[in-house]
PDB file of all heavy atoms in Angstrom:
ATOM      1  N   GLY A   1       0.848  -1.205   0.013  1.00  0.00           N
ATOM      2  CA  GLY A   1       0.027   0.026   0.024  1.00  0.00           C
ATOM      3  C   GLY A   1       0.764   1.253   0.058  1.00  0.00           C
ATOM      4  O   GLY A   1       0.319   2.352   0.129  1.00  0.00           O
ATOM      5  N   LEU A   2       2.181   1.101  -0.095  1.00  0.00           N
ATOM      6  CA  LEU A   2       3.038   2.262  -0.143  1.00  0.00           C
ATOM      7  C   LEU A   2       3.588   2.694  -1.447  1.00  0.00           C
ATOM      8  O   LEU A   2       3.715   1.862  -2.308  1.00  0.00           O
ATOM      9  CB  LEU A   2       4.271   1.987   0.823  1.00  0.00           C
ATOM     10  CG  LEU A   2       4.025   1.584   2.301  1.00  0.00           C
ATOM     11  CD1 LEU A   2       5.331   1.323   2.988  1.00  0.00           C
ATOM     12  CD2 LEU A   2       3.100   2.522   2.980  1.00  0.00           C
ATOM     13  N   THR A   3       3.826   3.938  -1.586  1.00  0.00           N
ATOM     14  CA  THR A   3       4.577   4.334  -2.790  1.00  0.00           C
ATOM     15  C   THR A   3       6.019   3.944  -2.802  1.00  0.00           C
ATOM     16  O   THR A   3       6.516   3.624  -1.660  1.00  0.00           O
ATOM     17  CB  THR A   3       4.425   5.894  -2.993  1.00  0.00           C
ATOM     18  OG1 THR A   3       5.145   6.493  -1.895  1.00  0.00           O
ATOM     19  CG2 THR A   3       2.973   6.370  -3.026  1.00  0.00           C
ATOM     20  N   LYS A   4       6.793   4.160  -3.853  1.00  0.00           N
ATOM     21  CA  LYS A   4       8.188   3.860  -3.861  1.00  0.00           C
ATOM     22  C   LYS A   4       8.934   4.793  -2.915  1.00  0.00           C
ATOM     23  O   LYS A   4       9.822   4.356  -2.285  1.00  0.00           O
ATOM     24  CB  LYS A   4       8.782   3.843  -5.277  1.00  0.00           C
ATOM     25  CG  LYS A   4      10.080   3.097  -5.372  1.00  0.00           C
ATOM     26  CD  LYS A   4      10.492   2.955  -6.845  1.00  0.00           C
ATOM     27  CE  LYS A   4      11.712   1.940  -6.964  1.00  0.00           C
ATOM     28  NZ  LYS A   4      11.274   0.600  -6.753  1.00  0.00           N
ATOM     29  N   ALA A   5       8.468   6.047  -2.900  1.00  0.00           N
ATOM     30  CA  ALA A   5       9.142   6.989  -2.047  1.00  0.00           C
ATOM     31  C   ALA A   5       8.929   6.592  -0.580  1.00  0.00           C
ATOM     32  O   ALA A   5       9.937   6.634   0.253  1.00  0.00           O
ATOM     33  CB  ALA A   5       8.566   8.408  -2.298  1.00  0.00           C
ATOM     34  N   GLU A   6       7.798   6.072  -0.248  1.00  0.00           N
ATOM     35  CA  GLU A   6       7.513   5.610   1.114  1.00  0.00           C
ATOM     36  C   GLU A   6       8.358   4.363   1.461  1.00  0.00           C
ATOM     37  O   GLU A   6       8.761   4.190   2.556  1.00  0.00           O
ATOM     38  CB  GLU A   6       6.050   5.383   1.311  1.00  0.00           C
ATOM     39  CG  GLU A   6       5.226   6.654   1.348  1.00  0.00           C
ATOM     40  CD  GLU A   6       3.752   6.419   1.262  1.00  0.00           C
ATOM     41  OE1 GLU A   6       3.277   5.376   0.684  1.00  0.00           O
ATOM     42  OE2 GLU A   6       3.024   7.266   1.841  1.00  0.00           O
ATOM     43  N   VAL A   7       8.577   3.511   0.435  1.00  0.00           N
ATOM     44  CA  VAL A   7       9.449   2.361   0.586  1.00  0.00           C
ATOM     45  C   VAL A   7      10.878   2.799   0.935  1.00  0.00           C
ATOM     46  O   VAL A   7      11.568   2.233   1.827  1.00  0.00           O
ATOM     47  CB  VAL A   7       9.407   1.379  -0.611  1.00  0.00           C
ATOM     48  CG1 VAL A   7      10.399   0.293  -0.446  1.00  0.00           C
ATOM     49  CG2 VAL A   7       7.983   0.884  -0.804  1.00  0.00           C
ATOM     50  N   VAL A   8      11.360   3.723   0.106  1.00  0.00           N
ATOM     51  CA  VAL A   8      12.690   4.319   0.408  1.00  0.00           C
ATOM     52  C   VAL A   8      12.830   4.873   1.719  1.00  0.00           C
ATOM     53  O   VAL A   8      13.824   4.684   2.441  1.00  0.00           O
ATOM     54  CB  VAL A   8      13.078   5.406  -0.690  1.00  0.00           C
ATOM     55  CG1 VAL A   8      14.307   6.112  -0.315  1.00  0.00           C
ATOM     56  CG2 VAL A   8      13.276   4.722  -2.101  1.00  0.00           C
ATOM     57  N   LYS A   9      11.798   5.585   2.187  1.00  0.00           N
ATOM     58  CA  LYS A   9      11.792   6.100   3.582  1.00  0.00           C
ATOM     59  C   LYS A   9      11.879   4.949   4.636  1.00  0.00           C
ATOM     60  O   LYS A   9      12.708   5.014   5.553  1.00  0.00           O
ATOM     61  CB  LYS A   9      10.540   6.879   3.817  1.00  0.00           C
ATOM     62  CG  LYS A   9      10.407   7.601   5.193  1.00  0.00           C
ATOM     63  CD  LYS A   9       9.221   8.435   5.311  1.00  0.00           C
ATOM     64  CE  LYS A   9       9.097   9.177   6.604  1.00  0.00           C
ATOM     65  NZ  LYS A   9       9.004   8.323   7.795  1.00  0.00           N
ATOM     66  N   ALA A  10      11.036   3.900   4.410  1.00  0.00           N
ATOM     67  CA  ALA A  10      11.075   2.825   5.378  1.00  0.00           C
ATOM     68  C   ALA A  10      12.414   2.084   5.319  1.00  0.00           C
ATOM     69  O   ALA A  10      12.965   1.781   6.390  1.00  0.00           O
ATOM     70  CB  ALA A  10       9.952   1.836   5.005  1.00  0.00           C
ATOM     71  N   GLY A  11      12.996   1.921   4.186  1.00  0.00           N
ATOM     72  CA  GLY A  11      14.302   1.310   4.011  1.00  0.00           C
ATOM     73  C   GLY A  11      15.438   2.134   4.644  1.00  0.00           C
ATOM     74  O   GLY A  11      16.333   1.588   5.271  1.00  0.00           O
ATOM     75  N   THR A  12      15.315   3.425   4.477  1.00  0.00           N
ATOM     76  CA  THR A  12      16.299   4.352   5.102  1.00  0.00           C
ATOM     77  C   THR A  12      16.256   4.184   6.596  1.00  0.00           C
ATOM     78  O   THR A  12      17.304   4.148   7.264  1.00  0.00           O
ATOM     79  CB  THR A  12      16.023   5.756   4.698  1.00  0.00           C
ATOM     80  OG1 THR A  12      16.130   5.850   3.233  1.00  0.00           O
ATOM     81  CG2 THR A  12      17.080   6.685   5.238  1.00  0.00           C
ATOM     82  N   GLU A  13      15.075   4.112   7.217  1.00  0.00           N
ATOM     83  CA  GLU A  13      14.927   3.938   8.638  1.00  0.00           C
ATOM     84  C   GLU A  13      15.507   2.586   9.100  1.00  0.00           C
ATOM     85  O   GLU A  13      16.038   2.417  10.250  1.00  0.00           O
ATOM     86  CB  GLU A  13      13.514   4.050   9.026  1.00  0.00           C
ATOM     87  CG  GLU A  13      13.001   5.499   8.859  1.00  0.00           C
ATOM     88  CD  GLU A  13      11.401   5.538   8.978  1.00  0.00           C
ATOM     89  OE1 GLU A  13      10.799   4.554   9.132  1.00  0.00           O
ATOM     90  OE2 GLU A  13      10.884   6.689   9.055  1.00  0.00           O
ATOM     91  N   LEU A  14      15.438   1.555   8.183  1.00  0.00           N
ATOM     92  CA  LEU A  14      16.032   0.272   8.521  1.00  0.00           C
ATOM     93  C   LEU A  14      17.522   0.151   8.143  1.00  0.00           C
ATOM     94  O   LEU A  14      18.084  -0.916   8.319  1.00  0.00           O
ATOM     95  CB  LEU A  14      15.191  -0.845   7.698  1.00  0.00           C
ATOM     96  CG  LEU A  14      13.810  -1.099   8.109  1.00  0.00           C
ATOM     97  CD1 LEU A  14      13.048  -1.926   7.035  1.00  0.00           C
ATOM     98  CD2 LEU A  14      13.782  -1.867   9.378  1.00  0.00           C
ATOM     99  N   LYS A  15      18.005   1.285   7.637  1.00  0.00           N
ATOM    100  CA  LYS A  15      19.448   1.333   7.238  1.00  0.00           C
ATOM    101  C   LYS A  15      19.828   0.340   6.142  1.00  0.00           C
ATOM    102  O   LYS A  15      20.895  -0.287   6.239  1.00  0.00           O
ATOM    103  CB  LYS A  15      20.278   1.140   8.537  1.00  0.00           C
ATOM    104  CG  LYS A  15      20.065   2.165   9.629  1.00  0.00           C
ATOM    105  CD  LYS A  15      21.025   2.045  10.718  1.00  0.00           C
ATOM    106  CE  LYS A  15      20.657   3.019  11.942  1.00  0.00           C
ATOM    107  NZ  LYS A  15      20.425   4.312  11.564  1.00  0.00           N
ATOM    108  N   VAL A  16      18.969   0.235   5.152  1.00  0.00           N
ATOM    109  CA  VAL A  16      19.263  -0.619   4.002  1.00  0.00           C
ATOM    110  C   VAL A  16      20.467   0.000   3.318  1.00  0.00           C
ATOM    111  O   VAL A  16      20.454   1.153   3.016  1.00  0.00           O
ATOM    112  CB  VAL A  16      18.065  -0.664   3.100  1.00  0.00           C
ATOM    113  CG1 VAL A  16      18.389  -1.491   1.824  1.00  0.00           C
ATOM    114  CG2 VAL A  16      16.857  -1.398   3.719  1.00  0.00           C
ATOM    115  N   PRO A  17      21.466  -0.875   2.955  1.00  0.00           N
ATOM    116  CA  PRO A  17      22.573  -0.395   2.164  1.00  0.00           C
ATOM    117  C   PRO A  17      22.230  -0.164   0.638  1.00  0.00           C
ATOM    118  O   PRO A  17      22.606  -1.008  -0.168  1.00  0.00           O
ATOM    119  CB  PRO A  17      23.632  -1.531   2.338  1.00  0.00           C
ATOM    120  CG  PRO A  17      22.831  -2.753   2.467  1.00  0.00           C
ATOM    121  CD  PRO A  17      21.604  -2.334   3.305  1.00  0.00           C
ATOM    122  N   TYR A  18      21.539   0.845   0.361  1.00  0.00           N
ATOM    123  CA  TYR A  18      20.994   1.071  -0.986  1.00  0.00           C
ATOM    124  C   TYR A  18      22.092   1.182  -2.037  1.00  0.00           C
ATOM    125  O   TYR A  18      21.849   0.977  -3.127  1.00  0.00           O
ATOM    126  CB  TYR A  18      20.137   2.319  -0.951  1.00  0.00           C
ATOM    127  CG  TYR A  18      18.776   2.126  -0.477  1.00  0.00           C
ATOM    128  CD1 TYR A  18      18.182   3.023   0.381  1.00  0.00           C
ATOM    129  CD2 TYR A  18      18.016   0.987  -0.825  1.00  0.00           C
ATOM    130  CE1 TYR A  18      16.887   2.801   0.871  1.00  0.00           C
ATOM    131  CE2 TYR A  18      16.702   0.737  -0.287  1.00  0.00           C
ATOM    132  CZ  TYR A  18      16.194   1.739   0.479  1.00  0.00           C
ATOM    133  OH  TYR A  18      14.858   1.526   1.037  1.00  0.00           O
ATOM    134  N   GLU A  19      23.312   1.496  -1.558  1.00  0.00           N
ATOM    135  CA  GLU A  19      24.469   1.532  -2.553  1.00  0.00           C
ATOM    136  C   GLU A  19      24.818   0.132  -3.138  1.00  0.00           C
ATOM    137  O   GLU A  19      25.437   0.040  -4.125  1.00  0.00           O
ATOM    138  CB  GLU A  19      25.729   2.154  -1.876  1.00  0.00           C
ATOM    139  CG  GLU A  19      26.375   1.290  -0.778  1.00  0.00           C
ATOM    140  CD  GLU A  19      25.693   1.412   0.583  1.00  0.00           C
ATOM    141  OE1 GLU A  19      24.679   2.044   0.710  1.00  0.00           O
ATOM    142  OE2 GLU A  19      26.226   0.779   1.548  1.00  0.00           O
ATOM    143  N   LEU A  20      24.326  -0.885  -2.482  1.00  0.00           N
ATOM    144  CA  LEU A  20      24.543  -2.242  -2.962  1.00  0.00           C
ATOM    145  C   LEU A  20      23.450  -2.794  -3.840  1.00  0.00           C
ATOM    146  O   LEU A  20      23.588  -3.835  -4.502  1.00  0.00           O
ATOM    147  CB  LEU A  20      24.659  -3.266  -1.711  1.00  0.00           C
ATOM    148  CG  LEU A  20      25.805  -2.979  -0.735  1.00  0.00           C
ATOM    149  CD1 LEU A  20      25.813  -4.025   0.297  1.00  0.00           C
ATOM    150  CD2 LEU A  20      27.144  -2.892  -1.455  1.00  0.00           C
ATOM    151  N   THR A  21      22.410  -1.987  -4.039  1.00  0.00           N
ATOM    152  CA  THR A  21      21.111  -2.467  -4.728  1.00  0.00           C
ATOM    153  C   THR A  21      21.335  -2.178  -6.261  1.00  0.00           C
ATOM    154  O   THR A  21      22.130  -1.376  -6.657  1.00  0.00           O
ATOM    155  CB  THR A  21      19.896  -1.877  -4.174  1.00  0.00           C
ATOM    156  OG1 THR A  21      19.920  -0.422  -4.333  1.00  0.00           O
ATOM    157  CG2 THR A  21      19.707  -2.202  -2.741  1.00  0.00           C
ATOM    158  N   TRP A  22      20.437  -2.760  -7.023  1.00  0.00           N
ATOM    159  CA  TRP A  22      20.482  -2.476  -8.449  1.00  0.00           C
ATOM    160  C   TRP A  22      18.994  -2.507  -8.958  1.00  0.00           C
ATOM    161  O   TRP A  22      18.202  -3.370  -8.682  1.00  0.00           O
ATOM    162  CB  TRP A  22      21.206  -3.552  -9.240  1.00  0.00           C
ATOM    163  CG  TRP A  22      21.345  -3.289 -10.725  1.00  0.00           C
ATOM    164  CD1 TRP A  22      20.531  -3.748 -11.668  1.00  0.00           C
ATOM    165  CD2 TRP A  22      22.350  -2.448 -11.423  1.00  0.00           C
ATOM    166  NE1 TRP A  22      20.920  -3.233 -12.903  1.00  0.00           N
ATOM    167  CE2 TRP A  22      21.997  -2.457 -12.723  1.00  0.00           C
ATOM    168  CE3 TRP A  22      23.403  -1.723 -10.943  1.00  0.00           C
ATOM    169  CZ2 TRP A  22      22.742  -1.738 -13.687  1.00  0.00           C
ATOM    170  CZ3 TRP A  22      24.121  -1.025 -11.814  1.00  0.00           C
ATOM    171  CH2 TRP A  22      23.819  -1.052 -13.194  1.00  0.00           C
ATOM    172  N   SER A  23      18.642  -1.478  -9.713  1.00  0.00           N
ATOM    173  CA  SER A  23      17.298  -1.418 -10.308  1.00  0.00           C
ATOM    174  C   SER A  23      17.258  -1.255 -11.764  1.00  0.00           C
ATOM    175  O   SER A  23      16.217  -1.602 -12.423  1.00  0.00           O
ATOM    176  CB  SER A  23      16.585  -0.176  -9.743  1.00  0.00           C
ATOM    177  OG  SER A  23      16.569  -0.192  -8.349  1.00  0.00           O
ATOM    178  N   CYS A  24      18.268  -0.772 -12.421  1.00  0.00           N
ATOM    179  CA  CYS A  24      18.272  -0.481 -13.867  1.00  0.00           C
ATOM    180  C   CYS A  24      18.084  -1.780 -14.676  1.00  0.00           C
ATOM    181  O   CYS A  24      18.545  -2.804 -14.559  1.00  0.00           O
ATOM    182  CB  CYS A  24      19.699   0.109 -14.211  1.00  0.00           C
ATOM    183  SG  CYS A  24      19.793   0.613 -15.950  1.00  0.00           S
ATOM    184  N   TYR A  25      17.200  -1.473 -15.814  1.00  0.00           N
ATOM    185  CA  TYR A  25      16.902  -2.575 -16.698  1.00  0.00           C
ATOM    186  C   TYR A  25      18.011  -2.869 -17.691  1.00  0.00           C
ATOM    187  O   TYR A  25      18.024  -3.931 -18.371  1.00  0.00           O
ATOM    188  CB  TYR A  25      15.631  -2.197 -17.553  1.00  0.00           C
ATOM    189  CG  TYR A  25      14.361  -2.287 -16.769  1.00  0.00           C
ATOM    190  CD1 TYR A  25      13.247  -1.455 -17.072  1.00  0.00           C
ATOM    191  CD2 TYR A  25      14.196  -3.208 -15.758  1.00  0.00           C
ATOM    192  CE1 TYR A  25      12.071  -1.503 -16.447  1.00  0.00           C
ATOM    193  CE2 TYR A  25      13.038  -3.250 -14.970  1.00  0.00           C
ATOM    194  CZ  TYR A  25      11.944  -2.425 -15.350  1.00  0.00           C
ATOM    195  OH  TYR A  25      10.734  -2.473 -14.643  1.00  0.00           O
ATOM    196  N   ASN A  26      18.982  -1.911 -17.738  1.00  0.00           N
ATOM    197  CA  ASN A  26      20.120  -2.082 -18.677  1.00  0.00           C
ATOM    198  C   ASN A  26      21.374  -2.616 -17.846  1.00  0.00           C
ATOM    199  O   ASN A  26      21.654  -1.913 -16.871  1.00  0.00           O
ATOM    200  CB  ASN A  26      20.387  -0.827 -19.345  1.00  0.00           C
ATOM    201  CG  ASN A  26      19.278  -0.345 -20.262  1.00  0.00           C
ATOM    202  OD1 ASN A  26      19.179  -0.945 -21.372  1.00  0.00           O
ATOM    203  ND2 ASN A  26      18.460   0.530 -19.867  1.00  0.00           N
ATOM    204  N   GLY A  27      21.925  -3.594 -18.200  1.00  0.00           N
ATOM    205  CA  GLY A  27      23.000  -4.224 -17.353  1.00  0.00           C
ATOM    206  C   GLY A  27      24.410  -3.676 -17.630  1.00  0.00           C
ATOM    207  O   GLY A  27      25.336  -4.508 -17.763  1.00  0.00           O
ATOM    208  N   ARG A  28      24.576  -2.441 -17.723  1.00  0.00           N
ATOM    209  CA  ARG A  28      25.884  -1.798 -17.916  1.00  0.00           C
ATOM    210  C   ARG A  28      26.515  -1.731 -16.602  1.00  0.00           C
ATOM    211  O   ARG A  28      26.079  -1.974 -15.547  1.00  0.00           O
ATOM    212  CB  ARG A  28      25.704  -0.444 -18.618  1.00  0.00           C
ATOM    213  CG  ARG A  28      25.066  -0.557 -19.990  1.00  0.00           C
ATOM    214  CD  ARG A  28      25.044   0.859 -20.654  1.00  0.00           C
ATOM    215  NE  ARG A  28      24.542   0.815 -22.027  1.00  0.00           N
ATOM    216  CZ  ARG A  28      23.303   1.058 -22.311  1.00  0.00           C
ATOM    217  NH1 ARG A  28      22.425   1.446 -21.415  1.00  0.00           N
ATOM    218  NH2 ARG A  28      22.877   1.015 -23.583  1.00  0.00           N
ATOM    219  N   GLU A  29      27.712  -1.204 -16.603  1.00  0.00           N
ATOM    220  CA  GLU A  29      28.539  -1.054 -15.405  1.00  0.00           C
ATOM    221  C   GLU A  29      27.841  -0.075 -14.402  1.00  0.00           C
ATOM    222  O   GLU A  29      27.902  -0.366 -13.212  1.00  0.00           O
ATOM    223  CB  GLU A  29      29.938  -0.520 -15.722  1.00  0.00           C
ATOM    224  CG  GLU A  29      30.873  -0.406 -14.443  1.00  0.00           C
ATOM    225  CD  GLU A  29      32.253   0.167 -14.813  1.00  0.00           C
ATOM    226  OE1 GLU A  29      32.522   0.380 -16.042  1.00  0.00           O
ATOM    227  OE2 GLU A  29      32.991   0.423 -13.808  1.00  0.00           O
ATOM    228  N   LYS A  30      27.231   0.963 -14.888  1.00  0.00           N
ATOM    229  CA  LYS A  30      26.566   1.927 -14.116  1.00  0.00           C
ATOM    230  C   LYS A  30      25.166   2.047 -14.538  1.00  0.00           C
ATOM    231  O   LYS A  30      24.755   1.703 -15.710  1.00  0.00           O
ATOM    232  CB  LYS A  30      27.164   3.354 -14.294  1.00  0.00           C
ATOM    233  CG  LYS A  30      28.611   3.403 -13.935  1.00  0.00           C
ATOM    234  CD  LYS A  30      28.773   3.430 -12.456  1.00  0.00           C
ATOM    235  CE  LYS A  30      30.270   3.668 -12.056  1.00  0.00           C
ATOM    236  NZ  LYS A  30      30.463   3.721 -10.582  1.00  0.00           N
ATOM    237  N   PRO A  31      24.147   2.454 -13.740  1.00  0.00           N
ATOM    238  CA  PRO A  31      22.801   2.604 -14.145  1.00  0.00           C
ATOM    239  C   PRO A  31      22.659   3.619 -15.255  1.00  0.00           C
ATOM    240  O   PRO A  31      23.366   4.634 -15.301  1.00  0.00           O
ATOM    241  CB  PRO A  31      22.108   3.058 -12.842  1.00  0.00           C
ATOM    242  CG  PRO A  31      22.944   2.632 -11.734  1.00  0.00           C
ATOM    243  CD  PRO A  31      24.352   2.692 -12.258  1.00  0.00           C
ATOM    244  N   CYS A  32      21.692   3.388 -16.104  1.00  0.00           N
ATOM    245  CA  CYS A  32      21.542   4.318 -17.319  1.00  0.00           C
ATOM    246  C   CYS A  32      20.918   5.694 -16.934  1.00  0.00           C
ATOM    247  O   CYS A  32      21.099   6.649 -17.641  1.00  0.00           O
ATOM    248  CB  CYS A  32      20.781   3.695 -18.452  1.00  0.00           C
ATOM    249  SG  CYS A  32      19.010   3.391 -17.995  1.00  0.00           S
ATOM    250  N   HIS A  33      20.031   5.654 -15.846  1.00  0.00           N
ATOM    251  CA  HIS A  33      19.375   6.855 -15.392  1.00  0.00           C
ATOM    252  C   HIS A  33      18.367   7.397 -16.438  1.00  0.00           C
ATOM    253  O   HIS A  33      17.893   8.459 -16.388  1.00  0.00           O
ATOM    254  CB  HIS A  33      20.342   7.984 -15.020  1.00  0.00           C
ATOM    255  CG  HIS A  33      21.327   7.611 -14.018  1.00  0.00           C
ATOM    256  ND1 HIS A  33      21.069   7.375 -12.757  1.00  0.00           N
ATOM    257  CD2 HIS A  33      22.684   7.334 -14.178  1.00  0.00           C
ATOM    258  CE1 HIS A  33      22.166   6.987 -12.133  1.00  0.00           C
ATOM    259  NE2 HIS A  33      23.158   7.009 -12.926  1.00  0.00           N
ATOM    260  N   ILE A  34      17.983   6.477 -17.406  1.00  0.00           N
ATOM    261  CA  ILE A  34      17.155   6.886 -18.417  1.00  0.00           C
ATOM    262  C   ILE A  34      15.840   6.002 -18.422  1.00  0.00           C
ATOM    263  O   ILE A  34      14.687   6.404 -18.656  1.00  0.00           O
ATOM    264  CB  ILE A  34      17.728   6.777 -19.802  1.00  0.00           C
ATOM    265  CG1 ILE A  34      18.934   7.789 -19.890  1.00  0.00           C
ATOM    266  CG2 ILE A  34      16.748   7.083 -20.955  1.00  0.00           C
ATOM    267  CD1 ILE A  34      19.730   7.709 -21.156  1.00  0.00           C
ATOM    268  N   CYS A  35      16.055   4.720 -18.183  1.00  0.00           N
ATOM    269  CA  CYS A  35      14.846   3.774 -18.219  1.00  0.00           C
ATOM    270  C   CYS A  35      13.847   4.079 -17.111  1.00  0.00           C
ATOM    271  O   CYS A  35      14.214   4.747 -16.150  1.00  0.00           O
ATOM    272  CB  CYS A  35      15.343   2.288 -18.118  1.00  0.00           C
ATOM    273  SG  CYS A  35      16.057   1.870 -16.576  1.00  0.00           S
ATOM    274  N   GLY A  36      12.676   3.527 -17.273  1.00  0.00           N
ATOM    275  CA  GLY A  36      11.592   3.874 -16.314  1.00  0.00           C
ATOM    276  C   GLY A  36      11.906   3.531 -14.872  1.00  0.00           C
ATOM    277  O   GLY A  36      11.658   4.327 -13.998  1.00  0.00           O
ATOM    278  N   THR A  37      12.601   2.439 -14.666  1.00  0.00           N
ATOM    279  CA  THR A  37      12.904   2.134 -13.227  1.00  0.00           C
ATOM    280  C   THR A  37      13.938   2.961 -12.647  1.00  0.00           C
ATOM    281  O   THR A  37      13.890   3.312 -11.419  1.00  0.00           O
ATOM    282  CB  THR A  37      13.217   0.590 -13.112  1.00  0.00           C
ATOM    283  OG1 THR A  37      13.298   0.182 -11.724  1.00  0.00           O
ATOM    284  CG2 THR A  37      14.567   0.338 -13.775  1.00  0.00           C
TER     285      THR A  37
END
């Protein structure tokens, strides 16, 4: 029932190491910052 922004907030409170995560649909070395995700 939460938006993605609210999930980020909850994860930040849980101290999730977001620097280790990956969301980009393109599998390059760095995220493309262009795709929808």
